[in-house]
Amino acid sequence: MSSLIPPDMNRCQAEKPNGHTFMTLGGRPGRERCTDLPAWLATEKEPAPDGQIGSMSLCDDCRAVFLKQVGPEYAVLSRIERTEHDSARKEA
């Protein structure tokens, strides 16, 4: 059984297209991790075939895409509570 990567409370864990296509000059099509501060924690409702239940942090925009792709039945979404200390750290 592989170990799960824990949720990152400082950076959204969703991967987004990098903006390059076969038509753009330079760069290689691919995906890159979102750099926004997460606001949500998504936890799978059902375990995967290996028996593990995964979770990941998502920003507001990536949460909307996540819900569109997998639907609201797939995971429990919990708001990440922030303190003033958390906000100051992101702005620095």
N, C-alpha and C. Protein backbone atom coordinates (compact mmCIF):
# COMPACT_ATOMS: atom_id res chain seq x y z
N MET A 1 0.85 -1.18 0.00
CA MET A 1 0.00 0.00 0.00
C MET A 1 0.90 1.24 0.00
N SER A 2 0.62 2.18 -0.88
CA SER A 2 1.42 3.41 -0.94
C SER A 2 0.92 4.40 0.11
N SER A 3 1.82 5.29 0.51
CA SER A 3 1.42 6.29 1.49
C SER A 3 0.78 7.48 0.77
N LEU A 4 -0.16 8.10 1.43
CA LEU A 4 -0.85 9.25 0.86
C LEU A 4 -0.09 10.53 1.16
N ILE A 5 -0.14 11.47 0.24
CA ILE A 5 0.43 12.80 0.47
C ILE A 5 -0.56 13.58 1.32
N PRO A 6 -0.15 14.14 2.44
CA PRO A 6 -1.10 14.86 3.28
C PRO A 6 -1.56 16.17 2.63
N PRO A 7 -2.73 16.67 2.99
CA PRO A 7 -3.19 17.94 2.44
C PRO A 7 -2.21 19.07 2.77
N ASP A 8 -2.02 19.97 1.83
CA ASP A 8 -1.14 21.12 1.99
C ASP A 8 -2.00 22.33 2.33
N MET A 9 -1.86 22.86 3.52
CA MET A 9 -2.68 23.98 3.96
C MET A 9 -2.15 25.33 3.47
N ASN A 10 -1.02 25.33 2.78
CA ASN A 10 -0.42 26.57 2.30
C ASN A 10 -0.54 26.77 0.79
N ARG A 11 -0.93 25.70 0.07
CA ARG A 11 -1.02 25.81 -1.39
C ARG A 11 -2.02 24.79 -1.91
N CYS A 12 -2.89 25.23 -2.81
CA CYS A 12 -3.88 24.36 -3.43
C CYS A 12 -3.18 23.19 -4.10
N GLN A 13 -3.75 22.00 -4.00
CA GLN A 13 -3.11 20.80 -4.55
C GLN A 13 -3.66 20.39 -5.93
N ALA A 14 -4.55 21.17 -6.49
CA ALA A 14 -5.08 20.84 -7.82
C ALA A 14 -4.02 21.12 -8.89
N GLU A 15 -4.09 20.36 -9.95
CA GLU A 15 -3.23 20.58 -11.10
C GLU A 15 -4.06 21.14 -12.24
N LYS A 16 -3.51 22.18 -12.90
CA LYS A 16 -4.23 22.85 -13.98
C LYS A 16 -3.39 22.81 -15.25
N PRO A 17 -4.03 22.92 -16.42
CA PRO A 17 -3.26 23.00 -17.66
C PRO A 17 -2.31 24.19 -17.61
N ASN A 18 -1.11 24.04 -18.17
CA ASN A 18 -0.12 25.11 -18.11
C ASN A 18 -0.29 26.17 -19.19
N GLY A 19 -1.27 26.02 -20.06
CA GLY A 19 -1.53 27.03 -21.07
C GLY A 19 -0.87 26.77 -22.41
N HIS A 20 0.02 25.80 -22.48
CA HIS A 20 0.69 25.47 -23.73
C HIS A 20 -0.08 24.38 -24.46
N THR A 21 -0.13 24.49 -25.78
CA THR A 21 -0.72 23.45 -26.63
C THR A 21 0.26 23.14 -27.74
N PHE A 22 -0.07 22.19 -28.59
CA PHE A 22 0.81 21.89 -29.71
C PHE A 22 0.89 23.07 -30.68
N MET A 23 -0.04 24.02 -30.55
CA MET A 23 -0.06 25.19 -31.43
C MET A 23 0.77 26.36 -30.91
N THR A 24 1.17 26.35 -29.64
CA THR A 24 1.94 27.48 -29.09
C THR A 24 3.42 27.28 -29.39
N LEU A 25 4.09 28.39 -29.58
CA LEU A 25 5.54 28.33 -29.82
C LEU A 25 6.24 28.35 -28.47
N GLY A 26 7.07 27.37 -28.25
CA GLY A 26 7.78 27.29 -26.97
C GLY A 26 6.92 26.65 -25.89
N GLY A 27 7.57 26.05 -24.96
CA GLY A 27 6.83 25.40 -23.88
C GLY A 27 6.28 24.06 -24.30
N ARG A 28 6.00 23.24 -23.33
CA ARG A 28 5.48 21.91 -23.58
C ARG A 28 4.12 21.80 -22.90
N PRO A 29 3.12 21.29 -23.62
CA PRO A 29 1.81 21.09 -22.99
C PRO A 29 1.94 20.21 -21.75
N GLY A 30 1.22 20.56 -20.73
CA GLY A 30 1.28 19.78 -19.50
C GLY A 30 0.40 20.39 -18.43
N ARG A 31 0.66 19.98 -17.22
CA ARG A 31 -0.11 20.46 -16.08
C ARG A 31 0.85 21.02 -15.04
N GLU A 32 0.36 21.99 -14.27
CA GLU A 32 1.15 22.53 -13.17
C GLU A 32 0.25 22.72 -11.96
N ARG A 33 0.84 22.68 -10.82
CA ARG A 33 0.08 22.79 -9.58
C ARG A 33 -0.37 24.23 -9.37
N CYS A 34 -1.60 24.39 -8.92
CA CYS A 34 -2.16 25.71 -8.61
C CYS A 34 -1.35 26.34 -7.47
N THR A 35 -1.16 27.65 -7.53
CA THR A 35 -0.37 28.34 -6.51
C THR A 35 -1.22 29.10 -5.50
N ASP A 36 -2.54 29.03 -5.61
CA ASP A 36 -3.41 29.80 -4.72
C ASP A 36 -3.48 29.18 -3.32
N LEU A 37 -3.84 30.01 -2.37
CA LEU A 37 -4.04 29.58 -0.98
C LEU A 37 -5.32 28.75 -0.92
N PRO A 38 -5.27 27.55 -0.37
CA PRO A 38 -6.48 26.71 -0.32
C PRO A 38 -7.51 27.25 0.67
N ALA A 39 -8.76 27.02 0.35
CA ALA A 39 -9.87 27.42 1.21
C ALA A 39 -10.73 26.22 1.59
N TRP A 40 -10.51 25.08 0.94
CA TRP A 40 -11.34 23.90 1.14
C TRP A 40 -10.49 22.64 1.30
N LEU A 41 -11.00 21.70 2.05
CA LEU A 41 -10.41 20.39 2.19
C LEU A 41 -11.42 19.39 1.64
N ALA A 42 -11.04 18.67 0.59
CA ALA A 42 -11.90 17.66 -0.02
C ALA A 42 -11.45 16.29 0.46
N THR A 43 -12.37 15.52 1.04
CA THR A 43 -12.06 14.18 1.54
C THR A 43 -13.00 13.19 0.86
N GLU A 44 -12.43 12.17 0.24
CA GLU A 44 -13.23 11.16 -0.45
C GLU A 44 -14.23 10.51 0.50
N LYS A 45 -15.42 10.26 0.00
CA LYS A 45 -16.45 9.60 0.82
C LYS A 45 -16.23 8.09 0.88
N GLU A 46 -15.71 7.51 -0.18
CA GLU A 46 -15.50 6.07 -0.26
C GLU A 46 -14.01 5.78 -0.39
N PRO A 47 -13.52 4.73 0.24
CA PRO A 47 -12.11 4.39 0.08
C PRO A 47 -11.81 3.92 -1.34
N ALA A 48 -10.58 4.13 -1.76
CA ALA A 48 -10.10 3.64 -3.05
C ALA A 48 -9.95 2.12 -2.97
N PRO A 49 -9.67 1.46 -4.09
CA PRO A 49 -9.49 0.00 -4.07
C PRO A 49 -8.43 -0.48 -3.07
N ASP A 50 -7.45 0.39 -2.75
CA ASP A 50 -6.42 -0.01 -1.78
C ASP A 50 -6.87 0.19 -0.33
N GLY A 51 -8.13 0.67 -0.15
CA GLY A 51 -8.68 0.85 1.19
C GLY A 51 -8.41 2.19 1.82
N GLN A 52 -7.66 3.05 1.14
CA GLN A 52 -7.32 4.35 1.71
C GLN A 52 -8.33 5.41 1.28
N ILE A 53 -8.53 6.39 2.14
CA ILE A 53 -9.39 7.54 1.84
C ILE A 53 -8.48 8.75 1.69
N GLY A 54 -8.49 9.33 0.51
CA GLY A 54 -7.62 10.47 0.24
C GLY A 54 -8.29 11.80 0.52
N SER A 55 -7.46 12.82 0.66
CA SER A 55 -7.97 14.18 0.83
C SER A 55 -6.96 15.14 0.20
N MET A 56 -7.45 16.31 -0.18
CA MET A 56 -6.59 17.32 -0.79
C MET A 56 -7.15 18.70 -0.51
N SER A 57 -6.27 19.69 -0.54
CA SER A 57 -6.68 21.07 -0.34
C SER A 57 -6.99 21.71 -1.69
N LEU A 58 -8.00 22.59 -1.71
CA LEU A 58 -8.43 23.25 -2.94
C LEU A 58 -8.71 24.73 -2.68
N CYS A 59 -8.37 25.58 -3.65
CA CYS A 59 -8.79 26.98 -3.58
C CYS A 59 -10.24 27.07 -4.08
N ASP A 60 -10.83 28.24 -4.01
CA ASP A 60 -12.23 28.40 -4.43
C ASP A 60 -12.43 28.05 -5.91
N ASP A 61 -11.53 28.54 -6.77
CA ASP A 61 -11.68 28.28 -8.21
C ASP A 61 -11.54 26.79 -8.53
N CYS A 62 -10.54 26.14 -7.94
CA CYS A 62 -10.32 24.71 -8.21
C CYS A 62 -11.43 23.87 -7.60
N ARG A 63 -12.03 24.32 -6.51
CA ARG A 63 -13.17 23.61 -5.92
C ARG A 63 -14.32 23.57 -6.91
N ALA A 64 -14.58 24.69 -7.59
CA ALA A 64 -15.67 24.76 -8.57
C ALA A 64 -15.42 23.78 -9.72
N VAL A 65 -14.19 23.69 -10.19
CA VAL A 65 -13.85 22.75 -11.27
C VAL A 65 -13.98 21.32 -10.75
N PHE A 66 -13.50 21.07 -9.55
CA PHE A 66 -13.59 19.74 -8.93
C PHE A 66 -15.04 19.26 -8.87
N LEU A 67 -15.93 20.14 -8.41
CA LEU A 67 -17.35 19.77 -8.31
C LEU A 67 -17.96 19.52 -9.68
N LYS A 68 -17.56 20.29 -10.68
CA LYS A 68 -18.06 20.10 -12.04
C LYS A 68 -17.59 18.76 -12.60
N GLN A 69 -16.35 18.37 -12.28
CA GLN A 69 -15.78 17.15 -12.84
C GLN A 69 -16.27 15.88 -12.14
N VAL A 70 -16.37 15.90 -10.81
CA VAL A 70 -16.70 14.66 -10.09
C VAL A 70 -18.06 14.69 -9.41
N GLY A 71 -18.67 15.87 -9.29
CA GLY A 71 -19.97 15.99 -8.65
C GLY A 71 -19.86 16.07 -7.13
N PRO A 72 -20.92 16.55 -6.49
CA PRO A 72 -20.90 16.75 -5.04
C PRO A 72 -20.96 15.45 -4.23
N GLU A 73 -21.28 14.33 -4.87
CA GLU A 73 -21.39 13.07 -4.14
C GLU A 73 -20.04 12.41 -3.89
N TYR A 74 -19.01 12.83 -4.58
CA TYR A 74 -17.71 12.16 -4.53
C TYR A 74 -16.94 12.40 -3.23
N ALA A 75 -17.02 13.64 -2.70
CA ALA A 75 -16.19 13.98 -1.54
C ALA A 75 -16.94 14.92 -0.60
N VAL A 76 -16.50 14.91 0.65
CA VAL A 76 -16.99 15.86 1.65
C VAL A 76 -16.07 17.08 1.56
N LEU A 77 -16.66 18.26 1.41
CA LEU A 77 -15.88 19.49 1.33
C LEU A 77 -16.04 20.28 2.63
N SER A 78 -14.92 20.56 3.26
CA SER A 78 -14.92 21.31 4.52
C SER A 78 -14.13 22.59 4.33
N ARG A 79 -14.66 23.69 4.84
CA ARG A 79 -13.98 24.98 4.76
C ARG A 79 -12.75 24.95 5.66
N ILE A 80 -11.63 25.47 5.18
CA ILE A 80 -10.42 25.60 6.00
C ILE A 80 -10.51 26.92 6.75
N GLU A 81 -10.50 26.85 8.05
CA GLU A 81 -10.56 28.05 8.88
C GLU A 81 -9.19 28.71 8.90
N ARG A 82 -9.14 29.99 8.66
CA ARG A 82 -7.89 30.75 8.63
C ARG A 82 -7.82 31.70 9.81
N THR A 83 -6.61 31.94 10.28
CA THR A 83 -6.38 32.93 11.33
C THR A 83 -5.67 34.12 10.70
N GLU A 84 -5.53 35.20 11.45
CA GLU A 84 -4.80 36.35 10.93
C GLU A 84 -3.36 35.98 10.63
N HIS A 85 -2.80 35.08 11.42
CA HIS A 85 -1.42 34.63 11.21
C HIS A 85 -1.29 33.94 9.85
N ASP A 86 -2.26 33.13 9.47
CA ASP A 86 -2.24 32.45 8.17
C ASP A 86 -2.27 33.46 7.03
N SER A 87 -3.12 34.47 7.13
CA SER A 87 -3.26 35.47 6.08
C SER A 87 -1.98 36.28 5.92
N ALA A 88 -1.36 36.64 7.03
CA ALA A 88 -0.13 37.41 6.98
C ALA A 88 0.99 36.60 6.34
N ARG A 89 1.03 35.31 6.59
CA ARG A 89 2.08 34.45 6.03
C ARG A 89 1.94 34.39 4.51
N LYS A 90 0.73 34.33 3.99
CA LYS A 90 0.51 34.23 2.54
C LYS A 90 0.91 35.53 1.85
N GLU A 91 0.64 36.68 2.49
CA GLU A 91 0.95 37.97 1.88
C GLU A 91 2.45 38.26 1.86
N ALA A 92 3.19 37.66 2.75
CA ALA A 92 4.64 37.93 2.85
C ALA A 92 5.42 37.35 1.69
